[in-house]
């Protein structure tokens, strides 16, 4: 008789950008994984605010119910720095950017990134969670509580006209839109967890509107799948109870101490 893998119980806390992929892995994997998502755009907040929101979510997890907490975050904006494991260990993929999750490894992402500068990456999450905004600029997910909000730049175009005047509002919108000058291509990473045809078509249309190139490529859930399976090797950081996350400017990316 084949041996049966003992079922383990984890809590997943992550960005809603990985909503469909995380739900798929939780539904199809051998372990019981309860999932919880925070709104995208936490990196739009000041770092201390991002850290506080993630820490509060971790602290609210009942330690009697789980073996470990899986974090669906990369090092984005260093918002994980200072996060402390309480009674449960934290398990985090070693990644600078959450796009790594959709390439399957740091190496695959770096190889593509280095060979294709000026690429904006898209997945189901980025399409569904308002990546394109209202056509003027993508409004921060945390609105007036984020950095842009504190600068008075998170309102609608009409609100900015009322506050600053049309000429100043147009200048602000144009300045905010300058980020587009750094990009010339959309890459849609197809993860195979849903009917992605509408998302692909949406990205193609946006590429045509901006006169950018478009590429469709199959994604890879290896890194996320190993997170959910409990197959944690050197590609993952395990933060033991009482330890906190610190940043490392080397291949380790994050460490615990």
Protein backbone atom coordinates (compact mmCIF):
# COMPACT_ATOMS: atom_id res chain seq x y z
CA UNK A 1 0.00 0.00 0.00
CA UNK A 2 1.28 3.46 -0.89
CA UNK A 3 2.11 5.64 2.07
CA UNK A 4 -0.27 8.49 2.74
CA UNK A 5 1.17 11.97 3.24
CA UNK A 6 0.04 13.21 6.66
CA UNK A 7 -2.25 16.19 6.35
CA UNK A 8 -0.84 19.39 7.77
CA UNK A 9 -2.71 22.58 8.58
CA UNK A 10 -1.43 26.00 7.57
CA UNK A 11 -2.73 29.55 7.47
CA UNK A 12 -1.94 31.54 4.33
CA UNK A 13 -1.83 35.34 4.57
CA UNK A 14 -1.08 37.11 1.32
CA UNK A 15 -1.72 39.90 -1.14
CA UNK A 16 -4.92 39.59 -3.14
CA UNK A 17 -2.80 39.71 -6.31
CA UNK A 18 -2.29 35.95 -5.83
CA UNK A 19 -5.97 35.31 -4.98
CA UNK A 20 -6.83 32.83 -7.72
CA UNK A 21 -3.50 31.00 -7.59
CA UNK A 22 -3.55 30.66 -3.80
CA UNK A 23 -7.16 29.48 -3.76
CA UNK A 24 -6.37 26.92 -6.47
CA UNK A 25 -3.40 25.55 -4.54
CA UNK A 26 -5.38 25.42 -1.31
CA UNK A 27 -8.21 23.57 -3.05
CA UNK A 28 -6.08 21.03 -4.89
CA UNK A 29 -3.23 20.39 -2.43
CA UNK A 30 -3.01 17.61 0.16
CA UNK A 31 -2.92 19.88 3.20
CA UNK A 32 -5.59 22.03 4.79
CA UNK A 33 -4.71 25.64 4.12
CA UNK A 34 -7.00 28.43 5.27
CA UNK A 35 -6.45 31.53 3.15
CA UNK A 36 -6.74 35.21 4.01
CA UNK A 37 -5.96 38.11 1.71
CA UNK A 38 -5.04 41.74 2.27
CA UNK A 39 -5.84 44.33 -0.34
CA UNK A 40 -3.27 44.98 -3.03
CA UNK A 41 -1.22 48.15 -2.81
CA UNK A 42 0.12 47.76 0.72
CA UNK A 43 3.43 48.94 -0.73
CA UNK A 44 1.66 52.23 -1.53
CA UNK A 45 1.57 52.87 2.20
CA UNK A 46 4.46 54.14 4.23
CA UNK A 47 6.61 51.19 5.21
CA UNK A 48 5.65 51.30 8.90
CA UNK A 49 1.95 51.24 7.96
CA UNK A 50 2.42 48.25 5.66
CA UNK A 51 4.34 46.37 8.34
CA UNK A 52 1.70 47.16 10.96
CA UNK A 53 -1.16 45.84 8.82
CA UNK A 54 0.62 42.57 8.05
CA UNK A 55 1.73 42.13 11.67
CA UNK A 56 -1.81 42.72 12.96
CA UNK A 57 -3.15 40.05 10.58
CA UNK A 58 -0.48 37.58 11.71
CA UNK A 59 -1.15 38.31 15.37
CA UNK A 60 -4.87 37.60 14.89
CA UNK A 61 -4.21 34.01 13.76
CA UNK A 62 -5.19 31.40 16.37
CA UNK A 63 -1.93 29.52 17.10
CA UNK A 64 -3.81 26.46 18.36
CA UNK A 65 -5.24 25.81 14.90
CA UNK A 66 -2.16 25.80 12.67
CA UNK A 67 1.38 24.51 12.29
CA UNK A 68 2.72 27.58 10.50
CA UNK A 69 1.72 30.81 8.74
CA UNK A 70 2.56 31.04 5.03
CA UNK A 71 3.16 34.59 3.81
CA UNK A 72 2.26 35.44 0.22
CA UNK A 73 4.50 38.48 0.07
CA UNK A 74 7.89 39.32 -1.36
CA UNK A 75 10.24 41.91 0.09
CA UNK A 76 8.21 44.68 -1.62
CA UNK A 77 9.06 48.11 -0.17
CA UNK A 78 10.70 46.33 2.79
CA UNK A 79 7.25 46.08 4.35
CA UNK A 80 8.14 42.67 5.79
CA UNK A 81 11.17 44.02 7.63
CA UNK A 82 10.46 43.97 11.35
CA UNK A 83 7.62 41.44 11.11
CA UNK A 84 7.86 39.13 14.12
CA UNK A 85 6.78 35.52 14.48
CA UNK A 86 4.78 35.11 17.67
CA UNK A 87 3.72 31.57 18.61
CA UNK A 88 3.80 30.17 15.07
CA UNK A 89 6.68 30.09 12.57
CA UNK A 90 6.36 32.20 9.44
CA UNK A 91 7.34 30.81 6.04
CA UNK A 92 8.23 33.29 3.30
CA UNK A 93 9.50 32.78 -0.27
CA UNK A 94 12.82 34.54 -0.80
CA UNK A 95 11.88 37.06 -3.49
CA UNK A 96 12.40 40.74 -4.14
CA UNK A 97 9.18 41.08 -6.10
CA UNK A 98 5.90 39.16 -6.13
CA UNK A 99 6.29 38.67 -9.90
CA UNK A 100 8.74 35.94 -8.87
CA UNK A 101 5.71 33.92 -7.69
CA UNK A 102 4.40 33.75 -11.25
CA UNK A 103 7.74 32.81 -12.84
CA UNK A 104 8.25 29.95 -10.40
CA UNK A 105 11.73 30.91 -9.23
CA UNK A 106 14.06 33.84 -8.69
CA UNK A 107 16.34 32.57 -11.45
CA UNK A 108 13.60 32.41 -14.10
CA UNK A 109 12.34 35.88 -13.24
CA UNK A 110 15.84 37.41 -13.26
CA UNK A 111 16.67 35.79 -16.60
CA UNK A 112 13.56 37.25 -18.22
CA UNK A 113 13.88 40.60 -16.46
CA UNK A 114 17.48 41.08 -17.60
CA UNK A 115 16.68 40.11 -21.19
CA UNK A 116 13.49 42.17 -21.50
CA UNK A 117 13.81 45.59 -19.85
CA UNK A 118 10.79 47.85 -19.94
CA UNK A 119 8.27 45.05 -19.39
CA UNK A 120 5.11 45.43 -17.30
CA UNK A 121 3.90 42.08 -15.96
CA UNK A 122 0.25 41.04 -15.85
CA UNK A 123 -1.67 38.13 -14.30
CA UNK A 124 -5.29 37.47 -13.33
CA UNK A 125 -4.73 39.37 -10.09
CA UNK A 126 -3.32 42.47 -11.69
CA UNK A 127 -6.20 42.55 -14.17
CA UNK A 128 -8.93 41.99 -11.58
CA UNK A 129 -7.50 44.29 -8.92
CA UNK A 130 -7.65 47.47 -11.01
CA UNK A 131 -4.17 47.57 -12.50
CA UNK A 132 -5.23 50.04 -15.19
CA UNK A 133 -7.11 52.46 -12.94
CA UNK A 134 -9.54 54.89 -14.57
CA UNK A 135 -7.49 55.55 -17.68
CA UNK A 136 -5.74 58.56 -16.15
CA UNK A 137 -3.67 56.76 -13.54
CA UNK A 138 -4.13 53.75 -11.28
CA UNK A 139 -5.62 55.10 -8.06
CA UNK A 140 -3.84 53.77 -4.96
CA UNK A 141 -5.72 50.88 -3.37
CA UNK A 142 -5.47 52.48 0.05
CA UNK A 143 -6.59 55.88 -1.22
CA UNK A 144 -6.13 58.73 1.19
CA UNK A 145 -4.34 56.58 3.77
CA UNK A 146 -1.44 55.87 1.41
CA UNK A 147 1.57 57.98 0.55
CA UNK A 148 -0.20 59.49 -2.47
CA UNK A 149 -3.22 60.29 -0.32
CA UNK A 150 -1.11 62.04 2.28
CA UNK A 151 0.31 64.15 -0.54
CA UNK A 152 -3.22 65.02 -1.64
CA UNK A 153 -2.86 63.10 -4.93
CA UNK A 154 -5.25 60.17 -4.45
CA UNK A 155 -8.49 61.86 -5.43
CA UNK A 156 -10.32 61.74 -8.75
CA UNK A 157 -9.32 64.03 -11.61
CA UNK A 158 -12.37 66.19 -10.91
CA UNK A 159 -11.44 66.49 -7.22
CA UNK A 160 -7.92 67.51 -8.16
CA UNK A 161 -9.25 70.16 -10.57
CA UNK A 162 -11.45 71.53 -7.78
CA UNK A 163 -8.54 71.58 -5.34
CA UNK A 164 -5.63 72.67 -7.55
CA UNK A 165 -7.18 74.11 -10.74
CA UNK A 166 -7.29 72.46 -14.17
CA UNK A 167 -3.79 73.47 -15.29
CA UNK A 168 -2.18 72.17 -12.11
CA UNK A 169 -4.32 69.03 -12.11
CA UNK A 170 -3.31 68.27 -15.71
CA UNK A 171 0.35 68.76 -14.81
CA UNK A 172 0.01 66.40 -11.82
CA UNK A 173 -1.70 63.73 -13.91
CA UNK A 174 0.95 64.07 -16.62
CA UNK A 175 3.71 63.78 -14.04
CA UNK A 176 2.09 60.76 -12.43
CA UNK A 177 1.84 59.19 -15.83
CA UNK A 178 5.57 59.48 -16.50
CA UNK A 179 6.08 55.97 -15.10
CA UNK A 180 4.73 54.71 -18.41
CA UNK A 181 7.80 56.10 -20.17
CA UNK A 182 9.84 53.34 -18.53
CA UNK A 183 7.74 50.59 -20.16
CA UNK A 184 7.20 49.46 -23.73
CA UNK A 185 5.71 45.99 -23.34
CA UNK A 186 3.08 43.95 -21.50
CA UNK A 187 3.85 40.35 -20.60
CA UNK A 188 0.80 38.35 -19.56
CA UNK A 189 1.70 35.28 -17.51
CA UNK A 190 -0.99 32.63 -18.00
CA UNK A 191 -1.22 30.52 -14.84
CA UNK A 192 -3.92 28.10 -15.94
CA UNK A 193 -6.14 28.42 -12.88
CA UNK A 194 -9.18 29.95 -14.60
CA UNK A 195 -10.58 31.04 -17.96
CA UNK A 196 -8.02 33.74 -18.60
CA UNK A 197 -9.23 34.72 -22.08
CA UNK A 198 -10.94 37.92 -20.84
CA UNK A 199 -7.83 38.99 -18.93
CA UNK A 200 -5.58 38.29 -21.91
CA UNK A 201 -7.88 40.27 -24.20
CA UNK A 202 -7.97 43.15 -21.71
CA UNK A 203 -4.19 43.27 -21.57
CA UNK A 204 -3.89 43.11 -25.36
CA UNK A 205 -6.33 46.00 -25.70
CA UNK A 206 -4.41 48.05 -23.16
CA UNK A 207 -1.16 47.31 -24.99
CA UNK A 208 -2.70 48.49 -28.26
CA UNK A 209 -4.02 51.64 -26.57
CA UNK A 210 -0.57 52.49 -25.25
CA UNK A 211 1.19 51.27 -28.40
CA UNK A 212 3.19 48.76 -26.40
CA UNK A 213 4.27 45.27 -27.42
CA UNK A 214 2.32 42.32 -26.08
CA UNK A 215 3.58 38.85 -25.17
CA UNK A 216 1.69 35.85 -23.80
CA UNK A 217 3.74 33.37 -21.80
CA UNK A 218 2.92 30.40 -19.60
CA UNK A 219 3.54 31.05 -15.93
CA UNK A 220 4.98 28.66 -13.38
CA UNK A 221 3.55 28.01 -9.90
CA UNK A 222 6.46 25.89 -8.68
CA UNK A 223 7.49 28.32 -5.94
CA UNK A 224 3.94 28.91 -4.68
CA UNK A 225 3.13 25.20 -4.91
CA UNK A 226 6.14 24.30 -2.78
CA UNK A 227 5.05 26.92 -0.24
CA UNK A 228 1.62 25.25 0.06
CA UNK A 229 3.06 21.72 0.06
CA UNK A 230 5.46 22.45 2.91
CA UNK A 231 8.48 21.75 0.71
CA UNK A 232 10.64 24.49 2.19
CA UNK A 233 14.29 24.54 1.21
CA UNK A 234 16.80 27.37 0.69
CA UNK A 235 14.25 29.24 -1.44
CA UNK A 236 12.21 29.90 1.70
CA UNK A 237 12.84 31.72 4.95
CA UNK A 238 11.44 30.11 8.10
CA UNK A 239 11.06 32.65 10.90
CA UNK A 240 10.89 30.87 14.24
CA UNK A 241 8.72 32.17 17.11
CA UNK A 242 10.44 35.14 18.71
CA UNK A 243 12.46 35.98 15.58
CA UNK A 244 11.94 38.97 13.28
CA UNK A 245 12.53 39.51 9.58
CA UNK A 246 15.52 41.58 8.49
CA UNK A 247 16.62 42.60 4.99
CA UNK A 248 19.75 41.25 3.36
CA UNK A 249 21.32 42.85 0.29
CA UNK A 250 22.51 39.54 -1.13
CA UNK A 251 21.02 36.38 -2.61
CA UNK A 252 19.29 35.60 0.69
CA UNK A 253 17.08 38.74 0.32
CA UNK A 254 15.55 38.32 3.80
CA UNK A 255 16.75 36.65 6.96
CA UNK A 256 15.54 36.02 10.50
CA UNK A 257 17.19 37.08 13.73
